[in-house]
Protein backbone atom coordinates (compact mmCIF):
# COMPACT_ATOMS: atom_id res chain seq x y z
CA MET A 1 5.42 7.57 60.88
CA ALA A 2 7.84 10.30 59.85
CA GLY A 3 10.86 8.90 58.09
CA SER A 4 9.16 5.62 57.23
CA LYS A 5 9.94 4.15 53.79
CA GLN A 6 6.71 2.16 53.74
CA SER A 7 4.27 3.40 51.04
CA THR A 8 0.73 4.27 51.98
CA ARG A 9 -2.15 2.70 50.11
CA ARG A 10 -2.89 6.09 48.47
CA GLN A 11 0.70 6.37 47.20
CA VAL A 12 0.58 2.85 45.77
CA LEU A 13 -2.73 3.58 44.02
CA ARG A 14 -1.43 6.87 42.56
CA THR A 15 1.76 5.23 41.31
CA THR A 16 -0.13 2.31 39.80
CA ALA A 17 -2.65 4.64 38.12
CA ALA A 18 0.15 6.82 36.72
CA LEU A 19 1.98 3.79 35.33
CA GLY A 20 -1.26 2.46 33.85
CA VAL A 21 -2.00 5.76 32.10
CA ALA A 22 1.57 5.96 30.80
CA GLY A 23 1.31 2.39 29.51
CA VAL A 24 -1.96 3.13 27.72
CA GLY A 25 -0.40 6.23 26.18
CA LEU A 26 2.53 4.20 24.91
CA SER A 27 0.32 1.44 23.55
CA VAL A 28 -1.95 3.96 21.77
CA THR A 29 1.10 5.69 20.28
CA GLY A 30 2.49 2.34 19.14
CA ALA A 31 -0.85 1.27 17.69
CA THR A 32 -1.17 4.56 15.82
CA ALA A 33 2.30 4.17 14.35
CA ALA A 34 1.63 0.55 13.39
CA ASN A 35 -1.87 1.28 12.04
CA PRO A 36 -1.98 4.56 10.12
CA GLY A 37 -5.77 4.34 10.12
CA LYS A 38 -6.19 6.80 12.98
CA GLY A 39 -6.21 10.56 13.04
CA ASP A 40 -5.64 13.32 10.52
CA GLU A 41 -5.06 12.15 6.97
CA ARG A 42 -2.90 15.13 5.97
CA GLY A 43 0.71 14.20 6.63
CA ALA A 44 2.59 11.65 8.71
CA GLY A 45 1.63 8.93 6.20
CA LYS A 46 -1.92 8.62 7.52
CA GLU A 47 -4.39 7.48 4.89
CA PHE A 48 -7.61 6.59 6.66
CA GLY A 49 -9.62 7.48 9.69
CA ARG A 50 -12.12 10.09 8.50
CA VAL A 51 -14.86 10.06 5.89
CA TYR A 52 -16.98 12.87 4.47
CA ALA A 53 -20.70 12.09 4.20
CA ASN A 54 -23.44 14.65 3.54
CA ASP A 55 -21.02 17.56 4.14
CA VAL A 56 -20.00 16.21 7.56
CA LEU A 57 -16.58 14.80 8.47
CA TRP A 58 -16.96 11.53 10.42
CA ARG A 59 -14.50 9.42 12.44
CA THR A 60 -14.16 5.80 11.38
CA ASN A 61 -12.11 2.63 11.58
CA VAL A 62 -11.96 -0.57 9.52
CA VAL A 63 -13.53 -3.42 11.49
CA ASN A 64 -13.44 -6.22 8.94
CA VAL A 65 -12.24 -6.83 5.38
CA LEU A 66 -14.80 -8.67 3.24
CA ASP A 67 -14.09 -11.26 0.53
CA GLU A 68 -16.98 -10.23 -1.69
CA ARG A 69 -19.15 -7.23 -2.47
CA PRO A 70 -21.68 -6.67 0.35
CA ASP A 71 -25.40 -6.63 -0.35
CA PRO A 72 -26.74 -4.19 0.71
CA GLU A 73 -23.76 -1.87 0.38
CA ASP A 74 -22.62 1.66 1.07
CA LYS A 75 -20.48 3.28 -1.63
CA ILE A 76 -17.26 5.01 -0.62
CA TYR A 77 -15.11 7.06 -3.00
CA PHE A 78 -11.34 7.32 -2.55
CA LEU A 79 -10.01 10.58 -4.01
CA HIS A 80 -6.49 10.35 -5.39
CA ASP A 81 -4.26 11.96 -7.99
CA GLY A 82 -3.19 8.72 -9.67
CA SER A 83 -0.21 8.06 -7.43
CA ARG A 84 -1.31 8.88 -3.86
CA PRO A 85 -4.32 9.99 -1.79
CA ILE A 86 -5.47 13.46 -2.85
CA VAL A 87 -4.73 14.90 0.60
CA ALA A 88 -1.08 13.81 0.25
CA ASN A 89 -0.65 16.06 -2.81
CA GLU A 90 1.12 19.22 -1.61
CA LYS A 91 -0.78 21.35 -4.17
CA VAL A 92 -4.22 20.39 -2.80
CA SER A 93 -6.27 22.77 -0.68
CA ALA A 94 -6.11 22.17 3.06
CA ASP A 95 -9.93 22.38 3.03
CA GLN A 96 -10.01 18.75 1.83
CA ARG A 97 -9.47 16.98 5.16
CA SER A 98 -10.09 13.42 3.95
CA PRO A 99 -9.65 11.50 0.69
CA PHE A 100 -12.80 9.44 1.49
CA VAL A 101 -16.36 10.45 0.62
CA SER A 102 -19.45 8.32 1.31
CA GLU A 103 -22.81 8.26 -0.41
CA SER A 104 -24.61 8.06 2.96
CA ALA A 105 -24.18 8.26 6.71
CA SER A 106 -25.74 7.11 9.95
CA GLY A 107 -29.38 8.19 10.10
CA ASP A 108 -29.92 8.12 6.30
CA ARG A 109 -32.59 5.76 4.97
CA ASP A 110 -30.06 4.21 2.58
CA TRP A 111 -27.36 3.71 5.27
CA ASN A 112 -26.30 0.06 5.55
CA GLY A 113 -24.05 0.30 8.58
CA GLY A 114 -20.78 0.94 6.74
CA GLN A 115 -20.65 -2.17 4.56
CA TRP A 116 -18.48 -0.47 1.97
CA THR A 117 -17.84 -1.08 -1.69
CA HIS A 118 -14.83 0.95 -2.68
CA PHE A 119 -14.68 3.18 -5.76
CA SER A 120 -11.56 4.83 -7.12
CA ALA A 121 -12.08 8.58 -7.79
CA GLU A 122 -9.07 9.93 -9.69
CA VAL A 123 -8.71 13.72 -9.79
CA THR A 124 -7.23 14.85 -13.13
CA ASP A 125 -7.30 18.65 -12.58
CA ILE A 126 -5.93 19.81 -9.19
CA ALA A 127 -6.71 23.50 -9.85
CA ALA A 128 -10.39 22.74 -10.54
CA PHE A 129 -10.47 20.44 -7.52
CA ASN A 130 -9.10 23.22 -5.29
CA ASP A 131 -11.78 25.62 -6.56
CA ASP A 132 -14.44 23.17 -5.34
CA ALA A 133 -12.75 21.85 -2.17
CA PRO A 134 -13.82 20.39 0.08
CA LEU A 135 -15.68 17.70 -1.85
CA ALA A 136 -17.84 16.28 0.90
CA THR A 137 -20.81 14.52 -0.76
CA ASP A 138 -21.15 11.78 -3.35
CA SER A 139 -22.73 14.24 -5.80
CA ASP A 140 -19.62 16.45 -5.40
CA ILE A 141 -17.61 13.49 -6.73
CA LEU A 142 -20.00 12.20 -9.40
CA ASP A 143 -20.85 15.61 -10.90
CA LYS A 144 -17.26 16.69 -11.65
CA ASP A 145 -15.85 16.09 -15.12
CA TYR A 146 -12.30 16.19 -13.72
CA ILE A 147 -12.90 13.10 -11.54
CA SER A 148 -12.86 9.64 -13.09
CA VAL A 149 -14.76 7.06 -11.00
CA THR A 150 -14.24 3.30 -11.37
CA LEU A 151 -15.17 0.29 -9.26
CA GLY A 152 -12.39 -0.95 -7.01
CA ARG A 153 -9.33 0.65 -5.55
CA PRO A 154 -6.03 1.87 -6.89
CA GLY A 155 -2.98 -0.11 -5.74
CA PHE A 156 -2.44 2.13 -2.71
CA GLY A 157 -6.04 2.38 -1.42
CA PRO A 158 -8.02 0.39 1.13
CA PRO A 159 -9.47 -3.04 0.32
CA ASP A 160 -12.30 -3.30 -2.23
CA PHE A 161 -14.91 -4.44 0.31
CA PHE A 162 -14.87 -3.81 4.05
CA VAL A 163 -16.97 -2.99 7.11
CA CYS A 164 -16.24 0.41 8.58
CA PRO A 165 -18.80 2.11 10.86
CA LEU A 166 -19.00 5.87 11.31
CA ASN A 167 -18.06 6.58 14.93
CA GLY A 168 -19.33 10.13 15.34
CA ARG A 169 -18.36 13.47 13.92
CA ALA A 170 -14.68 14.24 13.57
């Protein structure tokens, strides 16, 4: 069959598989650009996708926004400097890899599956924050006098109530 222009079944399968993989790559890239909830929170406008809980960085994604406070709930703290997520502040230590900190995680007795109630955690002293970074537990947040915690979210944070499972370690 030398010189034949007819494709073999193997060539067709390889070409189709390559096109399929390329298409998935493009759709994932497009989804990431459209939904900044994936990946590293430092830079590129990404604000969500990882959560600290019990000194471990977890992967996550928002599954559902809730209309009212869940019961039972998991508390999540959103660290910010008053105008943007704390990790977007160029003066903040690179050790802080996520602006989100949870009170519990998968496997804890008080874990409720990621039914979050959001709390605003405003950092008022960046130098003190950097001395302690990373803040990776709820007690890290609640025990600092330079962090003001209130129920709800600042105007640039995630919704007040949402479902967001932890999908494994980041």
